[in-house]
Amino acid sequence: MFLDGSHLAGVRDRSSSASYPIPGAGLILVRFTECPIPGAWVIDPAPHTDSRGRFMRVWCADEFTAHGIDFVPVQANMALNHVAGTTRGLHYQVSPHLEAKLVRCTRGAMFDVLVDLRTESPTYGRWFGAELTSDNGRMLYVPPMCAHGYQTLVDGTEMHYMASAAFAPAAARGLRFDDPIVHVRWPMTTAAMSDQDRNWPYFSRPEDSSR
C-alpha cells in the first residue's frame, strides 16, 4: 500500500532493479522505486527462499550509489511497539546534524510516513506513506530534512532504521502527527503516543512567520 499527499500528476516511474549473485542462491533482485517526494525511495528486496527460510540484502553501498543515493549509515536503532495504533513522530534533525534514514519493519506491520520539509523542494509540505511489513521486507529511504513517523498496524510491531547521522538532542525537531495543513491520512486511530510527540509544533511555511 502506497499513499501520498503530494497531489502530483504524471510522476515518472523511475523504478529499477539491481541484481547480484550470492553463492548457492543465484541472482538476488532489489527494486528501487522513486517516490513522488524527490529523493525518497521505496526499496523492495526479492528474498531467496528455500527449506531453511529466506535470505535478502537490506543495504548495499554500491547499489545506493548507482541510484544516486548518498547514504552512509553511522547509527542503527530499533523500537518495539506493544499495541496496534501506536504512532511515533514526526521526527527530523536540523543542520549541522541532518540525517537520512532507511526504515524497515522487522516484526508485524506499520504504515511509514515522510513529510518534505525542504523549503526549496517542489513538494515542500507534502507527505508520502508506505506499508512496511516483516513479510514484504519493504524499506523506505527518507532523505535529510524530511520528517519521519509511523503507525503500527498490528500488536507487537518492531521497526529498525539506519541513520546517516548520530542522534543529536540539540538538533532534534518534530512536527505534529495530526497537522491540518500536511494532513497525513493515518490508517488507524492513535492508540498510544508519547507526550513529546503530541506536543510538537504545527507545520508553518516561511511566509507564515512574516505575517
C-alpha atoms as a PDB file:
ATOM      1  CA  MET A   1       0.000   0.000   0.000  1.00  0.00           C
ATOM      2  CA  PHE A   2       1.318   3.407  -1.020  1.00  0.00           C
ATOM      3  CA  LEU A   3      -0.417   6.666  -0.121  1.00  0.00           C
ATOM      4  CA  ASP A   4       0.698  10.214  -0.649  1.00  0.00           C
ATOM      5  CA  GLY A   5      -0.375  13.771  -0.070  1.00  0.00           C
ATOM      6  CA  SER A   6       1.676  15.212  -2.879  1.00  0.00           C
ATOM      7  CA  HIS A   7      -1.216  15.614  -5.369  1.00  0.00           C
ATOM      8  CA  LEU A   8       1.269  15.251  -8.223  1.00  0.00           C
ATOM      9  CA  ALA A   9       0.267  14.235 -11.734  1.00  0.00           C
ATOM     10  CA  GLY A  10       2.462  12.494 -14.253  1.00  0.00           C
ATOM     11  CA  VAL A  11       5.146  11.342 -11.835  1.00  0.00           C
ATOM     12  CA  ARG A  12       7.725   9.370 -13.799  1.00  0.00           C
ATOM     13  CA  ASP A  13       8.207   5.714 -12.936  1.00  0.00           C
ATOM     14  CA  ARG A  14      11.938   5.576 -12.248  1.00  0.00           C
ATOM     15  CA  SER A  15      11.914   2.144 -10.675  1.00  0.00           C
ATOM     16  CA  SER A  16      14.771  -0.184 -11.490  1.00  0.00           C
ATOM     17  CA  SER A  17      16.246  -3.454 -10.327  1.00  0.00           C
ATOM     18  CA  ALA A  18      19.787  -4.282  -9.276  1.00  0.00           C
ATOM     19  CA  SER A  19      20.951  -7.869  -9.378  1.00  0.00           C
ATOM     20  CA  TYR A  20      23.952  -9.682  -7.979  1.00  0.00           C
ATOM     21  CA  PRO A  21      24.886 -13.337  -7.348  1.00  0.00           C
ATOM     22  CA  ILE A  22      25.443 -14.982  -3.999  1.00  0.00           C
ATOM     23  CA  PRO A  23      26.869 -18.468  -3.549  1.00  0.00           C
ATOM     24  CA  GLY A  24      24.175 -21.111  -3.903  1.00  0.00           C
ATOM     25  CA  ALA A  25      21.349 -18.651  -4.417  1.00  0.00           C
ATOM     26  CA  GLY A  26      21.623 -17.352  -7.989  1.00  0.00           C
ATOM     27  CA  LEU A  27      20.512 -13.775  -8.605  1.00  0.00           C
ATOM     28  CA  ILE A  28      19.043 -11.578  -5.911  1.00  0.00           C
ATOM     29  CA  LEU A  29      16.955  -8.655  -7.166  1.00  0.00           C
ATOM     30  CA  VAL A  30      16.468  -5.354  -5.361  1.00  0.00           C
ATOM     31  CA  ARG A  31      13.889  -2.965  -6.775  1.00  0.00           C
ATOM     32  CA  PHE A  32      14.268   0.785  -6.238  1.00  0.00           C
ATOM     33  CA  THR A  33      11.131   2.887  -6.860  1.00  0.00           C
ATOM     34  CA  GLU A  34      11.405   6.670  -6.588  1.00  0.00           C
ATOM     35  CA  CYS A  35       8.589   8.226  -4.571  1.00  0.00           C
ATOM     36  CA  PRO A  36       6.573  11.328  -5.520  1.00  0.00           C
ATOM     37  CA  ILE A  37       8.740  13.124  -2.945  1.00  0.00           C
ATOM     38  CA  PRO A  38      12.091  13.830  -4.704  1.00  0.00           C
ATOM     39  CA  GLY A  39      14.983  11.878  -3.237  1.00  0.00           C
ATOM     40  CA  ALA A  40      12.758   9.432  -1.335  1.00  0.00           C
ATOM     41  CA  TRP A  41      12.732   5.792  -2.412  1.00  0.00           C
ATOM     42  CA  VAL A  42      10.759   2.617  -1.748  1.00  0.00           C
ATOM     43  CA  ILE A  43      13.135  -0.354  -1.832  1.00  0.00           C
ATOM     44  CA  ASP A  44      11.787  -3.868  -2.303  1.00  0.00           C
ATOM     45  CA  PRO A  45      14.151  -6.813  -1.887  1.00  0.00           C
ATOM     46  CA  ALA A  46      13.401 -10.115  -3.602  1.00  0.00           C
ATOM     47  CA  PRO A  47      14.301 -12.711  -0.978  1.00  0.00           C
ATOM     48  CA  HIS A  48      15.853 -16.049  -1.832  1.00  0.00           C
ATOM     49  CA  THR A  49      13.812 -18.722  -0.056  1.00  0.00           C
ATOM     50  CA  ASP A  50      14.459 -22.402   0.499  1.00  0.00           C
ATOM     51  CA  SER A  51      13.778 -25.062   3.125  1.00  0.00           C
ATOM     52  CA  ARG A  52      15.881 -23.154   5.663  1.00  0.00           C
ATOM     53  CA  GLY A  53      13.970 -19.875   5.362  1.00  0.00           C
ATOM     54  CA  ARG A  54      14.946 -16.764   3.407  1.00  0.00           C
ATOM     55  CA  PHE A  55      17.900 -14.526   2.635  1.00  0.00           C
ATOM     56  CA  MET A  56      17.713 -10.930   1.415  1.00  0.00           C
ATOM     57  CA  ARG A  57      20.041  -7.972   1.049  1.00  0.00           C
ATOM     58  CA  VAL A  58      18.848  -4.932   3.008  1.00  0.00           C
ATOM     59  CA  TRP A  59      21.589  -2.434   2.200  1.00  0.00           C
ATOM     60  CA  CYS A  60      24.448  -2.168  -0.266  1.00  0.00           C
ATOM     61  CA  ALA A  61      26.578   0.962  -0.716  1.00  0.00           C
ATOM     62  CA  ASP A  62      27.228   0.229  -4.395  1.00  0.00           C
ATOM     63  CA  GLU A  63      23.543  -0.152  -5.247  1.00  0.00           C
ATOM     64  CA  PHE A  64      22.577   3.014  -3.413  1.00  0.00           C
ATOM     65  CA  THR A  65      25.349   4.953  -5.155  1.00  0.00           C
ATOM     66  CA  ALA A  66      24.218   3.584  -8.529  1.00  0.00           C
ATOM     67  CA  HIS A  67      20.807   5.153  -7.892  1.00  0.00           C
ATOM     68  CA  GLY A  68      22.273   8.491  -6.860  1.00  0.00           C
ATOM     69  CA  ILE A  69      21.518   7.935  -3.175  1.00  0.00           C
ATOM     70  CA  ASP A  70      24.242   9.323  -0.910  1.00  0.00           C
ATOM     71  CA  PHE A  71      23.648   7.296   2.231  1.00  0.00           C
ATOM     72  CA  VAL A  72      26.298   6.047   4.638  1.00  0.00           C
ATOM     73  CA  PRO A  73      24.737   4.778   7.879  1.00  0.00           C
ATOM     74  CA  VAL A  74      26.514   5.565  11.138  1.00  0.00           C
ATOM     75  CA  GLN A  75      23.826   4.548  13.635  1.00  0.00           C
ATOM     76  CA  ALA A  76      21.062   1.928  13.820  1.00  0.00           C
ATOM     77  CA  ASN A  77      18.043   1.919  16.131  1.00  0.00           C
ATOM     78  CA  MET A  78      15.080  -0.337  16.862  1.00  0.00           C
ATOM     79  CA  ALA A  79      11.698   0.206  18.523  1.00  0.00           C
ATOM     80  CA  LEU A  80       9.188  -2.352  19.805  1.00  0.00           C
ATOM     81  CA  ASN A  81       5.547  -1.242  19.947  1.00  0.00           C
ATOM     82  CA  HIS A  82       3.125  -3.222  22.082  1.00  0.00           C
ATOM     83  CA  VAL A  83      -0.227  -2.255  20.561  1.00  0.00           C
ATOM     84  CA  ALA A  84      -1.657  -1.579  17.119  1.00  0.00           C
ATOM     85  CA  GLY A  85      -2.290   2.114  16.526  1.00  0.00           C
ATOM     86  CA  THR A  86       0.910   3.253  18.230  1.00  0.00           C
ATOM     87  CA  THR A  87       2.004   6.421  16.425  1.00  0.00           C
ATOM     88  CA  ARG A  88       5.540   7.794  16.602  1.00  0.00           C
ATOM     89  CA  GLY A  89       6.840  11.007  15.041  1.00  0.00           C
ATOM     90  CA  LEU A  90       7.098  13.051  13.087  1.00  0.00           C
ATOM     91  CA  HIS A  91      10.848  13.462  13.744  1.00  0.00           C
ATOM     92  CA  TYR A  92      13.806  15.079  11.975  1.00  0.00           C
ATOM     93  CA  GLN A  93      17.138  16.758  12.730  1.00  0.00           C
ATOM     94  CA  VAL A  94      18.359  20.160  11.585  1.00  0.00           C
ATOM     95  CA  SER A  95      21.818  21.267  10.432  1.00  0.00           C
ATOM     96  CA  PRO A  96      24.605  20.524  11.231  1.00  0.00           C
ATOM     97  CA  HIS A  97      23.148  17.125  12.157  1.00  0.00           C
ATOM     98  CA  LEU A  98      20.947  16.443   9.143  1.00  0.00           C
ATOM     99  CA  GLU A  99      20.099  12.768   8.849  1.00  0.00           C
ATOM    100  CA  ALA A 100      18.723  10.409   6.255  1.00  0.00           C
ATOM    101  CA  LYS A 101      17.024   7.187   7.344  1.00  0.00           C
ATOM    102  CA  LEU A 102      16.497   3.733   5.889  1.00  0.00           C
ATOM    103  CA  VAL A 103      13.472   2.242   7.635  1.00  0.00           C
ATOM    104  CA  ARG A 104      12.201  -1.335   7.707  1.00  0.00           C
ATOM    105  CA  CYS A 105       9.793  -3.439   9.738  1.00  0.00           C
ATOM    106  CA  THR A 106      11.325  -6.496  11.390  1.00  0.00           C
ATOM    107  CA  ARG A 107       8.167  -7.793  13.069  1.00  0.00           C
ATOM    108  CA  GLY A 108       4.498  -7.116  12.402  1.00  0.00           C
ATOM    109  CA  ALA A 109       3.326  -4.291  10.126  1.00  0.00           C
ATOM    110  CA  MET A 110       3.456  -0.498  10.068  1.00  0.00           C
ATOM    111  CA  PHE A 111       2.431   2.492   7.967  1.00  0.00           C
ATOM    112  CA  ASP A 112       5.586   4.529   7.415  1.00  0.00           C
ATOM    113  CA  VAL A 113       5.400   8.243   6.557  1.00  0.00           C
ATOM    114  CA  LEU A 114       7.715  11.040   5.500  1.00  0.00           C
ATOM    115  CA  VAL A 115       6.949  14.761   5.170  1.00  0.00           C
ATOM    116  CA  ASP A 116       9.040  17.008   2.926  1.00  0.00           C
ATOM    117  CA  LEU A 117      10.321  19.990   4.952  1.00  0.00           C
ATOM    118  CA  ARG A 118      12.876  21.229   2.390  1.00  0.00           C
ATOM    119  CA  THR A 119      11.761  24.748   1.545  1.00  0.00           C
ATOM    120  CA  GLU A 120      13.393  24.590  -1.899  1.00  0.00           C
ATOM    121  CA  SER A 121      11.637  21.335  -2.813  1.00  0.00           C
ATOM    122  CA  PRO A 122       8.686  21.284  -5.271  1.00  0.00           C
ATOM    123  CA  THR A 123       6.869  19.007  -2.818  1.00  0.00           C
ATOM    124  CA  TYR A 124       7.523  21.123   0.288  1.00  0.00           C
ATOM    125  CA  GLY A 125       4.890  20.350   2.908  1.00  0.00           C
ATOM    126  CA  ARG A 126       3.655  17.170   1.181  1.00  0.00           C
ATOM    127  CA  TRP A 127       3.751  13.628   2.554  1.00  0.00           C
ATOM    128  CA  PHE A 128       4.159  10.049   1.352  1.00  0.00           C
ATOM    129  CA  GLY A 129       3.390   6.785   3.104  1.00  0.00           C
ATOM    130  CA  ALA A 130       4.049   3.083   2.500  1.00  0.00           C
ATOM    131  CA  GLU A 131       3.124  -0.111   4.315  1.00  0.00           C
ATOM    132  CA  LEU A 132       6.184  -1.938   5.613  1.00  0.00           C
ATOM    133  CA  THR A 133       5.824  -5.448   6.997  1.00  0.00           C
ATOM    134  CA  SER A 134       8.134  -8.192   8.157  1.00  0.00           C
ATOM    135  CA  ASP A 135       6.763 -10.324   5.316  1.00  0.00           C
ATOM    136  CA  ASN A 136       7.233  -7.904   2.404  1.00  0.00           C
ATOM    137  CA  GLY A 137      10.671  -6.729   3.591  1.00  0.00           C
ATOM    138  CA  ARG A 138       9.989  -3.316   2.043  1.00  0.00           C
ATOM    139  CA  MET A 139      12.113  -0.356   3.114  1.00  0.00           C
ATOM    140  CA  LEU A 140      11.611   3.404   2.883  1.00  0.00           C
ATOM    141  CA  TYR A 141      14.533   5.745   2.339  1.00  0.00           C
ATOM    142  CA  VAL A 142      13.866   9.121   3.990  1.00  0.00           C
ATOM    143  CA  PRO A 143      16.090  11.993   2.754  1.00  0.00           C
ATOM    144  CA  PRO A 144      17.555  14.648   5.082  1.00  0.00           C
ATOM    145  CA  MET A 145      15.108  17.367   6.190  1.00  0.00           C
ATOM    146  CA  CYS A 146      12.130  15.100   5.714  1.00  0.00           C
ATOM    147  CA  ALA A 147      10.245  14.385   8.911  1.00  0.00           C
ATOM    148  CA  HIS A 148       9.629  10.703   9.604  1.00  0.00           C
ATOM    149  CA  GLY A 149       6.977   8.867  11.556  1.00  0.00           C
ATOM    150  CA  TYR A 150       4.956   5.665  11.545  1.00  0.00           C
ATOM    151  CA  GLN A 151       1.864   3.962  12.895  1.00  0.00           C
ATOM    152  CA  THR A 152       1.748   0.289  13.843  1.00  0.00           C
ATOM    153  CA  LEU A 153      -0.944  -1.844  12.208  1.00  0.00           C
ATOM    154  CA  VAL A 154      -0.728  -4.898  14.477  1.00  0.00           C
ATOM    155  CA  ASP A 155       0.299  -5.588  18.071  1.00  0.00           C
ATOM    156  CA  GLY A 156       3.954  -6.335  18.757  1.00  0.00           C
ATOM    157  CA  THR A 157       5.348  -4.446  15.771  1.00  0.00           C
ATOM    158  CA  GLU A 158       9.089  -3.850  15.704  1.00  0.00           C
ATOM    159  CA  MET A 159      10.875  -1.355  13.468  1.00  0.00           C
ATOM    160  CA  HIS A 160      14.523  -0.897  12.590  1.00  0.00           C
ATOM    161  CA  TYR A 161      16.222   2.037  10.930  1.00  0.00           C
ATOM    162  CA  MET A 162      19.720   3.075   9.982  1.00  0.00           C
ATOM    163  CA  ALA A 163      20.638   6.770  10.074  1.00  0.00           C
ATOM    164  CA  SER A 164      23.332   8.801   8.339  1.00  0.00           C
ATOM    165  CA  ALA A 165      23.955  10.870  11.489  1.00  0.00           C
ATOM    166  CA  ALA A 166      24.013  10.102  15.177  1.00  0.00           C
ATOM    167  CA  PHE A 167      21.147  11.318  17.328  1.00  0.00           C
ATOM    168  CA  ALA A 168      21.833  14.894  18.426  1.00  0.00           C
ATOM    169  CA  PRO A 169      19.337  16.108  21.057  1.00  0.00           C
ATOM    170  CA  ALA A 170      20.055  19.796  20.375  1.00  0.00           C
ATOM    171  CA  ALA A 171      19.215  19.300  16.688  1.00  0.00           C
ATOM    172  CA  ALA A 172      16.128  17.134  17.220  1.00  0.00           C
ATOM    173  CA  ARG A 173      12.858  18.591  15.942  1.00  0.00           C
ATOM    174  CA  GLY A 174       9.346  17.366  15.326  1.00  0.00           C
ATOM    175  CA  LEU A 175       6.079  18.020  13.520  1.00  0.00           C
ATOM    176  CA  ARG A 176       2.598  17.292  14.856  1.00  0.00           C
ATOM    177  CA  PHE A 177       1.268  13.964  13.581  1.00  0.00           C
ATOM    178  CA  ASP A 178      -2.206  15.471  13.081  1.00  0.00           C
ATOM    179  CA  ASP A 179      -1.141  18.723  11.453  1.00  0.00           C
ATOM    180  CA  PRO A 180      -4.163  20.029   9.482  1.00  0.00           C
ATOM    181  CA  ILE A 181      -2.078  21.509   6.650  1.00  0.00           C
ATOM    182  CA  VAL A 182       0.049  18.422   5.980  1.00  0.00           C
ATOM    183  CA  HIS A 183      -2.961  16.188   6.727  1.00  0.00           C
ATOM    184  CA  VAL A 184      -1.370  12.732   6.838  1.00  0.00           C
ATOM    185  CA  ARG A 185      -4.073  10.093   6.333  1.00  0.00           C
ATOM    186  CA  TRP A 186      -3.158   7.698   9.125  1.00  0.00           C
ATOM    187  CA  PRO A 187      -4.933   4.343   8.666  1.00  0.00           C
ATOM    188  CA  MET A 188      -5.980   3.952  12.313  1.00  0.00           C
ATOM    189  CA  THR A 189      -6.994   5.997  15.320  1.00  0.00           C
ATOM    190  CA  THR A 190      -3.959   6.602  17.513  1.00  0.00           C
ATOM    191  CA  ALA A 191      -3.947   4.223  20.475  1.00  0.00           C
ATOM    192  CA  ALA A 192      -0.595   5.158  22.045  1.00  0.00           C
ATOM    193  CA  MET A 193       1.747   8.124  21.694  1.00  0.00           C
ATOM    194  CA  SER A 194       4.356   9.904  23.785  1.00  0.00           C
ATOM    195  CA  ASP A 195       3.630  13.289  25.333  1.00  0.00           C
ATOM    196  CA  GLN A 196       6.531  14.714  23.355  1.00  0.00           C
ATOM    197  CA  ASP A 197       5.035  13.635  20.035  1.00  0.00           C
ATOM    198  CA  ARG A 198       1.620  15.026  20.990  1.00  0.00           C
ATOM    199  CA  ASN A 199       3.174  18.430  21.590  1.00  0.00           C
ATOM    200  CA  TRP A 200       5.398  19.005  18.572  1.00  0.00           C
ATOM    201  CA  PRO A 201       4.615  22.297  16.779  1.00  0.00           C
ATOM    202  CA  TYR A 202       2.336  22.543  13.772  1.00  0.00           C
ATOM    203  CA  PHE A 203       3.691  22.995  10.258  1.00  0.00           C
ATOM    204  CA  SER A 204       4.388  26.582   9.176  1.00  0.00           C
ATOM    205  CA  ARG A 205       5.683  27.906   5.881  1.00  0.00           C
ATOM    206  CA  PRO A 206       8.431  30.594   5.821  1.00  0.00           C
ATOM    207  CA  GLU A 207       5.912  33.198   4.666  1.00  0.00           C
ATOM    208  CA  ASP A 208       3.723  32.485   7.686  1.00  0.00           C
ATOM    209  CA  SER A 209       6.337  33.848  10.085  1.00  0.00           C
ATOM    210  CA  SER A 210       6.489  37.188   8.240  1.00  0.00           C
ATOM    211  CA  ARG A 211       2.802  37.973   8.658  1.00  0.00           C
END
